[in-house]
C-alpha atoms as a PDB file:
ATOM      1  CA  MET A   1     103.796  87.895 -97.602  1.00  0.00           C
ATOM      2  CA  ILE A   2     103.239  91.550 -98.455  1.00  0.00           C
ATOM      3  CA  ASN A   3     101.430  92.368 -95.531  1.00  0.00           C
ATOM      4  CA  PHE A   4     104.167  90.806 -93.299  1.00  0.00           C
ATOM      5  CA  PHE A   5     106.824  92.894 -94.997  1.00  0.00           C
ATOM      6  CA  LYS A   6     104.674  96.036 -94.571  1.00  0.00           C
ATOM      7  CA  GLN A   7     104.120  95.482 -90.901  1.00  0.00           C
ATOM      8  CA  HIS A   8     107.575  94.150 -90.082  1.00  0.00           C
ATOM      9  CA  THR A   9     109.511  97.036 -92.240  1.00  0.00           C
ATOM     10  CA  LEU A  10     112.583  96.808 -90.152  1.00  0.00           C
ATOM     11  CA  ILE A  11     113.198  93.366 -91.429  1.00  0.00           C
ATOM     12  CA  PHE A  12     114.305  94.638 -94.896  1.00  0.00           C
ATOM     13  CA  MET A  13     114.878  98.265 -94.456  1.00  0.00           C
ATOM     14  CA  LEU A  14     117.788  98.147 -91.898  1.00  0.00           C
ATOM     15  CA  PRO A  15     120.149  95.461 -93.632  1.00  0.00           C
ATOM     16  CA  LEU A  16     119.504  97.582 -97.115  1.00  0.00           C
ATOM     17  CA  ALA A  17     120.798 100.621 -94.928  1.00  0.00           C
ATOM     18  CA  PHE A  18     123.475  99.034 -93.472  1.00  0.00           C
ATOM     19  CA  PHE A  19     124.428  97.657 -97.381  1.00  0.00           C
ATOM     20  CA  LEU A  20     124.145 101.522 -98.635  1.00  0.00           C
ATOM     21  CA  TYR A  21     126.081 102.839 -96.162  1.00  0.00           C
ATOM     22  CA  ASN A  22     129.059 100.587 -96.743  1.00  0.00           C
ATOM     23  CA  LEU A  23     128.732 101.128 -99.886  1.00  0.00           C
ATOM     24  CA  ALA A  24     128.586 105.144 -99.340  1.00  0.00           C
ATOM     25  CA  PHE A  25     131.665 104.836 -97.006  1.00  0.00           C
ATOM     26  CA  GLU A  26     134.121 102.336 -99.326  1.00  0.00           C
ATOM     27  CA  ASN A  27     135.474 104.641-101.628  1.00  0.00           C
ATOM     28  CA  THR A  28     136.220 108.159-100.270  1.00  0.00           C
ATOM     29  CA  SER A  29     136.084 109.469-103.755  1.00  0.00           C
ATOM     30  CA  ILE A  30     132.680 109.336-104.796  1.00  0.00           C
ATOM     31  CA  PHE A  31     131.443 109.134-101.069  1.00  0.00           C
ATOM     32  CA  TRP A  32     129.142 112.440-101.606  1.00  0.00           C
ATOM     33  CA  TYR A  33     127.112 110.555-104.503  1.00  0.00           C
ATOM     34  CA  MET A  34     126.652 107.186-102.603  1.00  0.00           C
ATOM     35  CA  TYR A  35     125.551 108.848 -99.708  1.00  0.00           C
ATOM     36  CA  THR A  36     123.454 111.482-101.458  1.00  0.00           C
ATOM     37  CA  PHE A  37     121.777 108.255-102.955  1.00  0.00           C
ATOM     38  CA  ALA A  38     121.916 106.192 -99.955  1.00  0.00           C
ATOM     39  CA  MET A  39     119.389 109.333 -98.340  1.00  0.00           C
ATOM     40  CA  LEU A  40     117.470 109.092-101.277  1.00  0.00           C
ATOM     41  CA  THR A  41     116.926 105.876-101.353  1.00  0.00           C
ATOM     42  CA  LEU A  42     115.978 105.352 -97.505  1.00  0.00           C
ATOM     43  CA  MET A  43     114.213 108.929 -97.315  1.00  0.00           C
ATOM     44  CA  SER A  44     111.669 107.426-100.088  1.00  0.00           C
ATOM     45  CA  ALA A  45     110.616 103.917 -98.366  1.00  0.00           C
ATOM     46  CA  ALA A  46     110.340 105.964 -95.051  1.00  0.00           C
ATOM     47  CA  ILE A  47     108.033 108.193 -96.472  1.00  0.00           C
ATOM     48  CA  ILE A  48     105.858 105.184 -98.294  1.00  0.00           C
ATOM     49  CA  PHE A  49     105.984 103.174 -94.789  1.00  0.00           C
ATOM     50  CA  VAL A  50     105.446 106.072 -92.136  1.00  0.00           C
ATOM     51  CA  LYS A  51     103.787 109.188 -90.963  1.00  0.00           C
ATOM     52  CA  ILE A  52     105.929 111.978 -91.075  1.00  0.00           C
ATOM     53  CA  TYR A  53     104.747 114.334 -88.065  1.00  0.00           C
ATOM     54  CA  ASP A  54     104.881 117.719 -88.115  1.00  0.00           C
ATOM     55  CA  GLU A  55     102.763 119.244 -85.164  1.00  0.00           C
ATOM     56  CA  LEU A  56     104.918 122.308 -84.180  1.00  0.00           C
ATOM     57  CA  VAL A  57     104.391 126.032 -86.033  1.00  0.00           C
ATOM     58  CA  THR A  58     107.365 127.298 -88.139  1.00  0.00           C
ATOM     59  CA  TRP A  59     108.754 129.820 -85.348  1.00  0.00           C
ATOM     60  CA  LYS A  60     108.750 127.169 -82.298  1.00  0.00           C
ATOM     61  CA  SER A  61     110.430 124.581 -85.201  1.00  0.00           C
ATOM     62  CA  LEU A  62     113.257 127.318 -85.653  1.00  0.00           C
ATOM     63  CA  ILE A  63     113.433 128.202 -81.686  1.00  0.00           C
ATOM     64  CA  TYR A  64     113.414 124.413 -80.903  1.00  0.00           C
ATOM     65  CA  GLY A  65     115.859 123.875 -83.563  1.00  0.00           C
ATOM     66  CA  LEU A  66     118.115 126.296 -82.910  1.00  0.00           C
ATOM     67  CA  GLY A  67     118.443 125.442 -79.127  1.00  0.00           C
ATOM     68  CA  TYR A  68     118.869 121.887 -79.461  1.00  0.00           C
ATOM     69  CA  GLY A  69     121.218 121.710 -82.390  1.00  0.00           C
ATOM     70  CA  THR A  70     123.369 124.224 -80.252  1.00  0.00           C
ATOM     71  CA  LEU A  71     123.085 121.663 -77.411  1.00  0.00           C
ATOM     72  CA  LEU A  72     124.043 118.735 -79.437  1.00  0.00           C
ATOM     73  CA  TYR A  73     127.500 120.854 -80.623  1.00  0.00           C
ATOM     74  CA  GLY A  74     128.176 121.367 -77.152  1.00  0.00           C
ATOM     75  CA  LEU A  75     127.797 117.866 -75.946  1.00  0.00           C
ATOM     76  CA  ILE A  76     130.162 116.876 -78.804  1.00  0.00           C
ATOM     77  CA  ALA A  77     132.752 119.677 -78.326  1.00  0.00           C
ATOM     78  CA  ILE A  78     132.501 118.763 -74.473  1.00  0.00           C
ATOM     79  CA  GLY A  79     133.535 115.070 -75.141  1.00  0.00           C
ATOM     80  CA  PHE A  80     136.209 115.988 -77.914  1.00  0.00           C
ATOM     81  CA  GLN A  81     137.632 117.721 -75.641  1.00  0.00           C
ATOM     82  CA  LEU A  82     137.367 115.352 -72.327  1.00  0.00           C
ATOM     83  CA  LEU A  83     138.790 112.683 -74.687  1.00  0.00           C
ATOM     84  CA  LEU A  84     141.626 114.878 -75.170  1.00  0.00           C
ATOM     85  CA  LEU A  85     142.618 114.449 -71.741  1.00  0.00           C
ATOM     86  CA  THR A  86     142.843 110.940 -71.993  1.00  0.00           C
ATOM     87  CA  PRO A  87     145.494 108.415 -73.418  1.00  0.00           C
ATOM     88  CA  ILE A  88     143.380 107.692 -76.129  1.00  0.00           C
ATOM     89  CA  ASP A  89     144.221 109.405 -79.679  1.00  0.00           C
ATOM     90  CA  VAL A  90     140.800 111.059 -80.442  1.00  0.00           C
ATOM     91  CA  ALA A  91     141.974 114.013 -82.582  1.00  0.00           C
ATOM     92  CA  GLY A  92     144.207 111.485 -85.249  1.00  0.00           C
ATOM     93  CA  PRO A  93     140.868 109.430 -86.118  1.00  0.00           C
ATOM     94  CA  VAL A  94     138.941 113.087 -86.202  1.00  0.00           C
ATOM     95  CA  LYS A  95     141.268 114.797 -88.378  1.00  0.00           C
ATOM     96  CA  SER A  96     141.420 111.746 -90.908  1.00  0.00           C
ATOM     97  CA  PHE A  97     137.481 111.461 -91.143  1.00  0.00           C
ATOM     98  CA  LEU A  98     137.636 114.862 -91.709  1.00  0.00           C
ATOM     99  CA  SER A  99     139.934 115.158 -94.571  1.00  0.00           C
ATOM    100  CA  ASP A 100     138.265 112.195 -96.289  1.00  0.00           C
ATOM    101  CA  PHE A 101     134.684 113.120 -95.605  1.00  0.00           C
ATOM    102  CA  SER A 102     133.782 117.070 -94.625  1.00  0.00           C
ATOM    103  CA  PRO A 103     131.821 118.758 -96.561  1.00  0.00           C
ATOM    104  CA  PHE A 104     134.269 121.524 -98.772  1.00  0.00           C
ATOM    105  CA  SER A 105     131.801 122.798-101.415  1.00  0.00           C
ATOM    106  CA  ILE A 106     128.798 124.650-101.540  1.00  0.00           C
ATOM    107  CA  TRP A 107     126.897 121.877-103.175  1.00  0.00           C
ATOM    108  CA  HIS A 108     127.902 119.565-100.410  1.00  0.00           C
ATOM    109  CA  TYR A 109     126.240 121.582 -98.195  1.00  0.00           C
ATOM    110  CA  LEU A 110     123.006 121.902-100.317  1.00  0.00           C
ATOM    111  CA  LEU A 111     123.237 118.376-100.418  1.00  0.00           C
ATOM    112  CA  LEU A 112     123.788 118.346 -96.616  1.00  0.00           C
ATOM    113  CA  MET A 113     120.376 120.550 -96.360  1.00  0.00           C
ATOM    114  CA  PHE A 114     118.165 119.234 -98.607  1.00  0.00           C
ATOM    115  CA  ILE A 115     118.731 115.521 -98.992  1.00  0.00           C
ATOM    116  CA  ILE A 116     121.251 114.381 -96.306  1.00  0.00           C
ATOM    117  CA  VAL A 117     120.188 115.473 -92.698  1.00  0.00           C
ATOM    118  CA  PRO A 118     116.209 115.059 -93.730  1.00  0.00           C
ATOM    119  CA  GLY A 119     117.005 111.880 -95.315  1.00  0.00           C
ATOM    120  CA  GLU A 120     118.943 110.584 -92.270  1.00  0.00           C
ATOM    121  CA  GLU A 121     116.013 112.240 -89.906  1.00  0.00           C
ATOM    122  CA  ILE A 122     113.174 110.623 -91.590  1.00  0.00           C
ATOM    123  CA  PHE A 123     114.496 106.870 -92.031  1.00  0.00           C
ATOM    124  CA  TRP A 124     116.469 106.768 -88.616  1.00  0.00           C
ATOM    125  CA  ARG A 125     114.102 108.805 -86.509  1.00  0.00           C
ATOM    126  CA  GLY A 126     111.028 108.692 -88.539  1.00  0.00           C
ATOM    127  CA  LEU A 127     110.996 105.080 -89.665  1.00  0.00           C
ATOM    128  CA  VAL A 128     113.559 103.039 -87.375  1.00  0.00           C
ATOM    129  CA  GLN A 129     112.361 104.438 -84.033  1.00  0.00           C
ATOM    130  CA  GLN A 130     108.784 104.673 -85.135  1.00  0.00           C
ATOM    131  CA  LYS A 131     108.907 100.973 -86.043  1.00  0.00           C
ATOM    132  CA  LEU A 132     110.816  99.568 -82.767  1.00  0.00           C
ATOM    133  CA  LYS A 133     107.706 101.117 -80.996  1.00  0.00           C
ATOM    134  CA  GLN A 134     106.173  97.817 -82.206  1.00  0.00           C
ATOM    135  CA  TYR A 135     108.338  95.527 -80.409  1.00  0.00           C
ATOM    136  CA  LEU A 136     109.902  97.595 -77.348  1.00  0.00           C
ATOM    137  CA  SER A 137     108.646 101.008 -75.208  1.00  0.00           C
ATOM    138  CA  THR A 138     109.502 104.042 -76.487  1.00  0.00           C
ATOM    139  CA  PRO A 139     112.354 104.515 -74.424  1.00  0.00           C
ATOM    140  CA  TRP A 140     114.000 101.720 -75.670  1.00  0.00           C
ATOM    141  CA  SER A 141     113.146 102.494 -79.177  1.00  0.00           C
ATOM    142  CA  ILE A 142     115.130 105.913 -79.059  1.00  0.00           C
ATOM    143  CA  LEU A 143     118.335 104.030 -77.295  1.00  0.00           C
ATOM    144  CA  VAL A 144     117.839 101.136 -79.758  1.00  0.00           C
ATOM    145  CA  SER A 145     117.226 103.293 -82.737  1.00  0.00           C
ATOM    146  CA  SER A 146     120.232 105.773 -81.525  1.00  0.00           C
ATOM    147  CA  ILE A 147     122.355 102.404 -81.173  1.00  0.00           C
ATOM    148  CA  LEU A 148     121.843 101.819 -84.988  1.00  0.00           C
ATOM    149  CA  PHE A 149     122.346 104.687 -86.410  1.00  0.00           C
ATOM    150  CA  GLY A 150     126.184 104.873 -85.063  1.00  0.00           C
ATOM    151  CA  SER A 151     126.806 101.461 -85.712  1.00  0.00           C
ATOM    152  CA  ALA A 152     125.564 102.646 -89.394  1.00  0.00           C
ATOM    153  CA  LEU A 153     127.870 105.193 -89.167  1.00  0.00           C
ATOM    154  CA  ALA A 154     131.383 102.529 -87.677  1.00  0.00           C
ATOM    155  CA  LEU A 155     131.329 101.426 -91.551  1.00  0.00           C
ATOM    156  CA  GLY A 156     133.104 104.640 -91.822  1.00  0.00           C
ATOM    157  CA  ASN A 157     135.999 103.480 -89.405  1.00  0.00           C
ATOM    158  CA  PHE A 158     135.434 106.529 -87.417  1.00  0.00           C
ATOM    159  CA  TRP A 159     135.222 105.687 -83.551  1.00  0.00           C
ATOM    160  CA  PRO A 160     134.158 108.837 -82.312  1.00  0.00           C
ATOM    161  CA  GLY A 161     131.516 109.800 -84.542  1.00  0.00           C
ATOM    162  CA  VAL A 162     129.607 106.363 -83.416  1.00  0.00           C
ATOM    163  CA  TRP A 163     129.686 107.878 -80.210  1.00  0.00           C
ATOM    164  CA  ALA A 164     128.560 111.080 -81.257  1.00  0.00           C
ATOM    165  CA  GLY A 165     126.046 109.617 -83.569  1.00  0.00           C
ATOM    166  CA  ILE A 166     124.793 107.492 -80.517  1.00  0.00           C
ATOM    167  CA  ALA A 167     124.640 110.902 -78.793  1.00  0.00           C
ATOM    168  CA  ALA A 168     122.861 112.494 -81.611  1.00  0.00           C
ATOM    169  CA  GLY A 169     120.493 110.084 -81.596  1.00  0.00           C
ATOM    170  CA  LEU A 170     119.112 110.176 -78.026  1.00  0.00           C
ATOM    171  CA  VAL A 171     118.700 113.937 -78.452  1.00  0.00           C
ATOM    172  CA  LEU A 172     117.359 113.887 -81.849  1.00  0.00           C
ATOM    173  CA  GLY A 173     114.947 110.814 -81.038  1.00  0.00           C
ATOM    174  CA  LEU A 174     113.922 112.586 -77.520  1.00  0.00           C
ATOM    175  CA  LEU A 175     113.219 115.727 -79.184  1.00  0.00           C
ATOM    176  CA  TYR A 176     111.214 114.014 -81.897  1.00  0.00           C
ATOM    177  CA  GLU A 177     109.129 111.751 -79.515  1.00  0.00           C
ATOM    178  CA  TRP A 178     108.526 115.304 -77.216  1.00  0.00           C
ATOM    179  CA  LYS A 179     107.290 117.299 -80.181  1.00  0.00           C
ATOM    180  CA  LYS A 180     105.735 115.474 -83.029  1.00  0.00           C
ATOM    181  CA  SER A 181     107.963 117.551 -85.244  1.00  0.00           C
ATOM    182  CA  LEU A 182     110.375 116.118 -88.209  1.00  0.00           C
ATOM    183  CA  PRO A 183     111.153 120.084 -88.881  1.00  0.00           C
ATOM    184  CA  VAL A 184     112.414 120.398 -85.566  1.00  0.00           C
ATOM    185  CA  ILE A 185     114.674 117.382 -85.589  1.00  0.00           C
ATOM    186  CA  ILE A 186     116.394 118.362 -89.021  1.00  0.00           C
ATOM    187  CA  ILE A 187     116.947 122.162 -87.987  1.00  0.00           C
ATOM    188  CA  ALA A 188     118.523 120.704 -84.725  1.00  0.00           C
ATOM    189  CA  HIS A 189     120.653 118.147 -86.847  1.00  0.00           C
ATOM    190  CA  LEU A 190     121.854 121.064 -89.067  1.00  0.00           C
ATOM    191  CA  VAL A 191     122.517 123.481 -86.707  1.00  0.00           C
ATOM    192  CA  MET A 192     124.997 120.800 -85.360  1.00  0.00           C
ATOM    193  CA  ILE A 193     126.646 120.555 -88.947  1.00  0.00           C
ATOM    194  CA  VAL A 194     126.887 124.182 -89.557  1.00  0.00           C
ATOM    195  CA  LEU A 195     128.184 124.835 -85.962  1.00  0.00           C
ATOM    196  CA  LEU A 196     131.113 121.464 -86.736  1.00  0.00           C
ATOM    197  CA  PHE A 197     131.767 122.189 -89.928  1.00  0.00           C
ATOM    198  CA  LEU A 198     131.865 126.032 -90.430  1.00  0.00           C
ATOM    199  CA  VAL A 199     130.997 127.873 -87.328  1.00  0.00           C
ATOM    200  CA  LEU A 200     133.153 125.842 -84.721  1.00  0.00           C
ATOM    201  CA  PRO A 201     135.576 123.220 -85.753  1.00  0.00           C
ATOM    202  CA  LEU A 202     136.759 120.767 -83.719  1.00  0.00           C
ATOM    203  CA  PRO A 203     140.757 121.462 -82.626  1.00  0.00           C
ATOM    204  CA  VAL A 204     142.350 119.265 -84.623  1.00  0.00           C
END
């Protein structure tokens, strides 16, 4: 039985992930505590069950991370602007989500930098995407893990975030398979976060 669960880790890790995400999004007043707890739990489990790749030298990780983080921000910003041209109300949900969940203190950014963003990447790209390759081809594993990541974010009742999560998952998943480097996708994710929340926030 133990060997079975070691081989098919996703059977219990995915339900656990969705349970923890739901707990985190359930109460906005304790979101940062619960989301940090969720990421610590999932990251710890991922480190136990999978090999974490780091095959790039530091300066290359920084260059690729900065470039792809900026690309991710660009994709999200362009998608937002395009949606503003349609009858779909995207500004309202974005404004509501930011008022409830956006980081506003230095310790929120520290949590993002050292726990939340690394935790998301180690779990979704490091564990889920890699374990899916036991059952699917690499392209399908990237796609399915991205959809699962977006679906977990759906528990925050923020539909634009679902599509942003899927798009980010696709780019980061492809980058991880290409460069075999966890630091590069963590840096890219962090660059996207800094641009979205601090440097060039979406105009809502």
